[in-house]
N, C-alpha and C. Protein backbone atom coordinates (compact mmCIF):
# COMPACT_ATOMS: atom_id res chain seq x y z
N MET A 1 8.80 8.66 3.83
CA MET A 1 9.26 7.49 3.19
C MET A 1 10.25 7.83 2.06
N GLU A 2 11.30 6.97 1.95
CA GLU A 2 12.26 7.08 0.91
C GLU A 2 11.56 6.62 -0.44
N GLN A 3 11.93 7.25 -1.51
CA GLN A 3 11.26 6.93 -2.77
C GLN A 3 12.15 6.19 -3.78
N THR A 4 11.55 5.24 -4.43
CA THR A 4 12.16 4.51 -5.54
C THR A 4 11.32 4.76 -6.73
N ASN A 5 11.93 4.80 -7.91
CA ASN A 5 11.19 5.06 -9.19
C ASN A 5 10.33 3.91 -9.48
N LYS A 6 9.05 4.13 -9.71
CA LYS A 6 8.09 3.06 -10.05
C LYS A 6 8.46 2.29 -11.31
N THR A 7 9.05 3.02 -12.27
CA THR A 7 9.37 2.35 -13.52
C THR A 7 10.52 1.34 -13.34
N GLU A 8 11.25 1.43 -12.20
CA GLU A 8 12.29 0.46 -11.96
C GLU A 8 11.72 -0.83 -11.43
N LEU A 9 10.50 -0.82 -10.95
CA LEU A 9 9.86 -1.97 -10.33
C LEU A 9 8.96 -2.64 -11.36
N GLU A 10 8.86 -3.97 -11.24
CA GLU A 10 7.90 -4.72 -12.04
C GLU A 10 6.68 -5.01 -11.19
N SER A 11 5.54 -5.03 -11.85
CA SER A 11 4.26 -5.19 -11.09
C SER A 11 3.98 -6.69 -10.83
N ASN A 12 4.84 -7.57 -11.17
CA ASN A 12 4.68 -9.00 -10.85
C ASN A 12 4.60 -9.18 -9.36
N GLU A 13 3.50 -9.80 -8.90
CA GLU A 13 3.29 -9.99 -7.46
C GLU A 13 4.49 -10.71 -6.79
N SER A 14 5.16 -11.61 -7.54
CA SER A 14 6.15 -12.31 -6.96
C SER A 14 7.37 -11.43 -6.53
N ASN A 15 7.41 -10.23 -7.03
CA ASN A 15 8.45 -9.28 -6.63
C ASN A 15 8.13 -8.60 -5.29
N PHE A 16 6.94 -8.84 -4.78
CA PHE A 16 6.45 -8.25 -3.50
C PHE A 16 5.87 -9.29 -2.57
N PRO A 17 6.71 -10.31 -2.21
CA PRO A 17 6.22 -11.39 -1.45
C PRO A 17 5.64 -10.96 -0.07
N ASN A 18 6.26 -10.02 0.56
CA ASN A 18 5.77 -9.61 1.88
C ASN A 18 4.40 -8.82 1.75
N MET A 19 4.30 -7.96 0.77
CA MET A 19 2.97 -7.30 0.55
C MET A 19 1.92 -8.26 0.13
N ALA A 20 2.26 -9.24 -0.75
CA ALA A 20 1.32 -10.22 -1.21
C ALA A 20 0.79 -11.05 -0.02
N GLN A 21 1.73 -11.46 0.89
CA GLN A 21 1.32 -12.27 2.04
C GLN A 21 0.47 -11.42 3.02
N CYS A 22 0.89 -10.19 3.23
CA CYS A 22 0.22 -9.39 4.24
C CYS A 22 -1.18 -8.97 3.77
N CYS A 23 -1.33 -8.50 2.53
CA CYS A 23 -2.61 -7.93 2.17
C CYS A 23 -3.12 -8.30 0.79
N GLY A 24 -2.43 -9.17 0.13
CA GLY A 24 -2.80 -9.54 -1.27
C GLY A 24 -4.22 -10.06 -1.38
N LYS A 25 -4.76 -10.72 -0.40
CA LYS A 25 -6.12 -11.31 -0.44
C LYS A 25 -7.25 -10.24 -0.43
N PHE A 26 -6.94 -9.02 -0.06
CA PHE A 26 -7.91 -7.99 0.04
C PHE A 26 -8.10 -7.21 -1.30
N PHE A 27 -7.24 -7.44 -2.33
CA PHE A 27 -7.29 -6.60 -3.52
C PHE A 27 -7.24 -7.45 -4.75
N ASP A 28 -7.87 -7.01 -5.78
CA ASP A 28 -7.83 -7.67 -7.13
C ASP A 28 -6.46 -7.41 -7.73
N GLU A 29 -6.26 -8.06 -8.88
CA GLU A 29 -4.91 -7.98 -9.55
C GLU A 29 -4.54 -6.51 -9.86
N ASN A 30 -5.49 -5.78 -10.43
CA ASN A 30 -5.20 -4.36 -10.81
C ASN A 30 -4.85 -3.52 -9.57
N GLU A 31 -5.65 -3.73 -8.53
CA GLU A 31 -5.40 -2.96 -7.31
C GLU A 31 -4.05 -3.35 -6.68
N LYS A 32 -3.68 -4.64 -6.69
CA LYS A 32 -2.44 -5.06 -6.18
C LYS A 32 -1.29 -4.46 -6.92
N SER A 33 -1.40 -4.47 -8.29
CA SER A 33 -0.36 -3.96 -9.16
C SER A 33 -0.12 -2.43 -8.78
N TYR A 34 -1.17 -1.71 -8.74
CA TYR A 34 -1.09 -0.25 -8.38
C TYR A 34 -0.58 -0.06 -6.94
N LEU A 35 -1.20 -0.72 -5.97
CA LEU A 35 -0.86 -0.50 -4.60
C LEU A 35 0.60 -0.91 -4.31
N PHE A 36 0.95 -2.15 -4.66
CA PHE A 36 2.25 -2.63 -4.42
C PHE A 36 3.34 -1.78 -5.00
N LEU A 37 3.17 -1.47 -6.31
CA LEU A 37 4.16 -0.56 -6.97
C LEU A 37 4.30 0.74 -6.25
N THR A 38 3.18 1.34 -5.93
CA THR A 38 3.18 2.67 -5.33
C THR A 38 3.83 2.66 -3.95
N LEU A 39 3.39 1.75 -3.13
CA LEU A 39 3.92 1.70 -1.77
C LEU A 39 5.38 1.34 -1.69
N VAL A 40 5.83 0.41 -2.57
CA VAL A 40 7.24 0.03 -2.56
C VAL A 40 8.06 1.16 -3.09
N ALA A 41 7.53 1.86 -4.09
CA ALA A 41 8.28 3.05 -4.63
C ALA A 41 8.42 4.13 -3.52
N TRP A 42 7.37 4.36 -2.76
CA TRP A 42 7.46 5.31 -1.64
C TRP A 42 8.35 4.82 -0.51
N ALA A 43 8.21 3.60 -0.17
CA ALA A 43 8.98 3.05 1.01
C ALA A 43 10.40 2.64 0.73
N GLY A 44 10.65 2.21 -0.46
CA GLY A 44 11.96 1.80 -0.85
C GLY A 44 12.14 0.31 -0.91
N SER A 45 11.27 -0.45 -0.28
CA SER A 45 11.38 -1.95 -0.35
C SER A 45 10.05 -2.57 0.00
N ASP A 46 9.95 -3.80 -0.37
CA ASP A 46 8.75 -4.62 -0.07
C ASP A 46 8.56 -4.71 1.44
N ILE A 47 9.73 -4.93 2.14
CA ILE A 47 9.64 -5.08 3.60
C ILE A 47 9.19 -3.78 4.29
N LYS A 48 9.72 -2.65 3.88
CA LYS A 48 9.31 -1.32 4.47
C LYS A 48 7.91 -0.99 4.11
N ALA A 49 7.47 -1.34 2.84
CA ALA A 49 6.02 -1.07 2.50
C ALA A 49 5.13 -1.89 3.34
N THR A 50 5.52 -3.13 3.61
CA THR A 50 4.63 -4.04 4.43
C THR A 50 4.61 -3.51 5.89
N ALA A 51 5.69 -3.10 6.35
CA ALA A 51 5.76 -2.53 7.72
C ALA A 51 4.88 -1.35 7.86
N TRP A 52 4.84 -0.42 6.75
CA TRP A 52 3.96 0.74 6.79
C TRP A 52 2.51 0.26 6.79
N PHE A 53 2.17 -0.69 6.01
CA PHE A 53 0.83 -1.20 5.83
C PHE A 53 0.28 -1.75 7.10
N LYS A 54 1.18 -2.41 7.89
CA LYS A 54 0.84 -3.03 9.15
C LYS A 54 0.80 -2.08 10.36
N SER A 55 1.64 -1.14 10.32
CA SER A 55 1.85 -0.35 11.60
C SER A 55 1.57 1.18 11.51
N GLU A 56 1.65 1.76 10.37
CA GLU A 56 1.45 3.26 10.31
C GLU A 56 -0.04 3.56 10.42
N THR A 57 -0.37 4.36 11.44
CA THR A 57 -1.76 4.73 11.59
C THR A 57 -2.10 5.89 10.69
N ILE A 58 -3.33 5.89 10.22
CA ILE A 58 -3.81 6.94 9.28
C ILE A 58 -4.87 7.77 10.00
N SER A 59 -4.51 8.99 10.30
CA SER A 59 -5.37 9.84 11.11
C SER A 59 -6.74 10.01 10.43
N ALA A 60 -6.73 10.07 9.12
CA ALA A 60 -8.06 10.27 8.38
C ALA A 60 -9.02 9.16 8.62
N PHE A 61 -8.53 8.00 9.11
CA PHE A 61 -9.37 6.87 9.44
C PHE A 61 -9.35 6.54 10.87
N GLY A 62 -9.21 7.52 11.77
CA GLY A 62 -9.30 7.32 13.14
C GLY A 62 -8.22 6.60 13.78
N GLY A 63 -7.05 6.68 13.15
CA GLY A 63 -5.84 6.04 13.69
C GLY A 63 -5.73 4.60 13.38
N LYS A 64 -6.50 4.09 12.44
CA LYS A 64 -6.40 2.73 12.01
C LYS A 64 -5.31 2.60 10.97
N THR A 65 -4.71 1.37 10.89
CA THR A 65 -3.68 1.13 9.85
C THR A 65 -4.40 0.67 8.56
N ALA A 66 -3.66 0.63 7.51
CA ALA A 66 -4.19 0.17 6.25
C ALA A 66 -4.67 -1.28 6.41
N LEU A 67 -3.88 -2.10 7.11
CA LEU A 67 -4.28 -3.50 7.32
C LEU A 67 -5.61 -3.60 8.13
N GLU A 68 -5.68 -2.76 9.14
CA GLU A 68 -6.95 -2.78 9.91
C GLU A 68 -8.16 -2.37 9.02
N LEU A 69 -7.93 -1.42 8.17
CA LEU A 69 -9.00 -1.03 7.26
C LEU A 69 -9.42 -2.20 6.43
N CYS A 70 -8.44 -2.90 5.90
CA CYS A 70 -8.72 -4.11 5.01
C CYS A 70 -9.43 -5.16 5.81
N LYS A 71 -9.04 -5.36 7.06
CA LYS A 71 -9.66 -6.48 7.85
C LYS A 71 -11.09 -6.02 8.19
N ASN A 72 -11.36 -4.74 8.18
CA ASN A 72 -12.74 -4.22 8.48
C ASN A 72 -13.51 -4.04 7.13
N ASN A 73 -13.15 -4.72 6.05
CA ASN A 73 -13.84 -4.71 4.81
C ASN A 73 -13.82 -3.35 4.13
N GLN A 74 -12.71 -2.64 4.28
CA GLN A 74 -12.59 -1.27 3.69
C GLN A 74 -11.31 -1.16 2.83
N PRO A 75 -10.99 -2.21 2.02
CA PRO A 75 -9.74 -2.07 1.14
C PRO A 75 -9.89 -0.92 0.18
N ASP A 76 -11.16 -0.61 -0.23
CA ASP A 76 -11.33 0.51 -1.16
C ASP A 76 -10.91 1.79 -0.59
N ALA A 77 -11.04 1.95 0.76
CA ALA A 77 -10.58 3.22 1.43
C ALA A 77 -9.08 3.29 1.38
N VAL A 78 -8.36 2.20 1.45
CA VAL A 78 -6.90 2.23 1.35
C VAL A 78 -6.51 2.73 0.02
N ILE A 79 -7.10 2.15 -1.07
CA ILE A 79 -6.77 2.49 -2.43
C ILE A 79 -7.06 4.03 -2.62
N LYS A 80 -8.20 4.48 -2.19
CA LYS A 80 -8.60 5.95 -2.28
C LYS A 80 -7.59 6.81 -1.55
N TYR A 81 -7.21 6.42 -0.39
CA TYR A 81 -6.25 7.18 0.42
C TYR A 81 -4.91 7.29 -0.28
N ILE A 82 -4.39 6.21 -0.80
CA ILE A 82 -3.12 6.21 -1.53
C ILE A 82 -3.22 7.04 -2.77
N ARG A 83 -4.26 6.95 -3.49
CA ARG A 83 -4.43 7.83 -4.67
C ARG A 83 -4.47 9.26 -4.35
N HIS A 84 -5.17 9.55 -3.30
CA HIS A 84 -5.26 10.95 -2.73
C HIS A 84 -3.86 11.51 -2.42
N ILE A 85 -3.06 10.70 -1.68
CA ILE A 85 -1.68 11.17 -1.34
C ILE A 85 -0.89 11.27 -2.59
N GLU A 86 -0.97 10.34 -3.45
CA GLU A 86 -0.21 10.37 -4.74
C GLU A 86 -0.48 11.65 -5.58
N GLN A 87 -1.72 12.10 -5.48
CA GLN A 87 -2.11 13.28 -6.28
C GLN A 87 -1.81 14.56 -5.49
N GLY A 88 -1.12 14.45 -4.39
CA GLY A 88 -0.72 15.66 -3.69
C GLY A 88 -1.60 16.06 -2.48
N GLY A 89 -2.55 15.17 -2.16
CA GLY A 89 -3.41 15.47 -1.01
C GLY A 89 -2.73 15.35 0.26
N PHE A 90 -3.33 15.81 1.33
CA PHE A 90 -2.71 15.72 2.64
C PHE A 90 -3.09 14.41 3.29
N ALA A 91 -2.17 13.90 4.11
CA ALA A 91 -2.42 12.68 4.87
C ALA A 91 -3.25 13.08 6.04
């Protein structure tokens, strides 16, 4: 993923309409602020971050996407995975 500086982004959910529509209902305000900022910084845009969330399979979760994890009542797994990657862990 192409990276954008997180400090250049605002955590206001209205700046991430695609992410909010796609997965906002699965996370509380703090989680959305962290997740949206991080994914958009990594992907380069709200649209690209949303595409990743919907379509990129995560081998650590048996090839499920982040959206599939959320729909299976595992949004906490998505947050833990993103934090793991952010801290230098392997995907």
